[in-house]
Amino acid sequence: MEMTTTEKIKLLKDRNGLTLGELAAKANTTRQNLNNKFGRNNFCEKEIRALGDVLGCDVEIVFINRKTGERV
């Protein structure tokens, strides 16, 4: 089963030894806001890229056409 975005971010947060508050501060948001987004698993692309940057990760968001296999 595929991990949710929230699960991936939490895993990377833990691997980087960060608390939720530390991750939020480095991503220029509040702990409460980030916790709410975790609860809803609701992140926009800009937020995902900012969190990836804080976590030292590149982010790829790819759409793959099911009929042709084209990656966009």
Protein backbone atom coordinates (compact mmCIF):
# COMPACT_ATOMS: atom_id res chain seq x y z
CA MET A 1 0.00 0.00 0.00
CA GLU A 2 1.31 3.43 -0.93
CA MET A 3 2.16 5.91 1.81
CA THR A 4 0.19 9.15 2.06
CA THR A 5 1.94 12.50 1.69
CA THR A 6 1.58 13.01 5.44
CA GLU A 7 3.19 9.63 6.18
CA LYS A 8 6.10 10.44 3.88
CA ILE A 9 6.68 13.85 5.46
CA LYS A 10 6.50 12.39 8.99
CA LEU A 11 8.99 9.66 8.07
CA LEU A 12 11.43 12.20 6.66
CA LYS A 13 10.87 14.50 9.66
CA ASP A 14 11.80 11.66 11.99
CA ARG A 15 14.82 10.64 9.90
CA ASN A 16 16.03 14.25 10.12
CA GLY A 17 15.55 14.27 13.89
CA LEU A 18 13.07 17.14 13.78
CA THR A 19 10.06 17.76 15.97
CA LEU A 20 6.83 18.92 14.42
CA GLY A 21 7.47 22.41 15.80
CA GLU A 22 10.99 22.53 14.38
CA LEU A 23 9.80 21.39 10.95
CA ALA A 24 7.02 23.96 11.00
CA ALA A 25 9.35 26.78 12.01
CA LYS A 26 11.86 25.92 9.28
CA ALA A 27 9.02 25.81 6.74
CA ASN A 28 7.74 29.23 7.89
CA THR A 29 4.43 27.96 9.28
CA THR A 30 3.06 27.14 12.71
CA ARG A 31 3.06 23.78 14.43
CA GLN A 32 -0.74 23.98 14.66
CA ASN A 33 -1.13 24.69 10.93
CA LEU A 34 1.20 21.84 9.98
CA ASN A 35 -0.54 19.48 12.40
CA ASN A 36 -3.91 20.40 10.87
CA LYS A 37 -2.56 19.68 7.38
CA PHE A 38 -1.25 16.32 8.62
CA GLY A 39 -4.71 15.53 9.99
CA ARG A 40 -6.37 16.30 6.67
CA ASN A 41 -3.47 15.07 4.49
CA ASN A 42 -4.02 18.32 2.62
CA PHE A 43 -0.93 19.99 1.16
CA CYS A 44 -0.61 22.20 -1.90
CA GLU A 45 2.38 21.76 -4.22
CA LYS A 46 4.08 24.89 -2.88
CA GLU A 47 3.91 23.53 0.69
CA ILE A 48 5.21 20.12 -0.35
CA ARG A 49 8.16 21.70 -2.13
CA ALA A 50 8.93 23.93 0.89
CA LEU A 51 8.83 20.94 3.25
CA GLY A 52 10.99 18.94 0.84
CA ASP A 53 13.53 21.74 0.84
CA VAL A 54 13.63 21.81 4.65
CA LEU A 55 13.99 18.01 4.70
CA GLY A 56 16.81 18.07 2.15
CA CYS A 57 14.78 16.34 -0.55
CA ASP A 58 13.96 17.01 -4.17
CA VAL A 59 10.26 16.65 -4.97
CA GLU A 60 8.84 15.14 -8.14
CA ILE A 61 5.19 15.48 -9.01
CA VAL A 62 4.45 13.54 -12.16
CA PHE A 63 1.28 12.87 -14.09
CA ILE A 64 1.40 9.68 -16.16
CA ASN A 65 -1.10 9.21 -18.97
CA ARG A 66 -2.61 5.76 -18.39
CA LYS A 67 -3.16 5.16 -22.11
CA THR A 68 0.14 6.34 -23.50
CA GLY A 69 2.49 6.24 -20.52
CA GLU A 70 3.48 9.85 -21.28
CA ARG A 71 4.96 11.54 -18.21
CA VAL A 72 4.15 15.19 -17.69
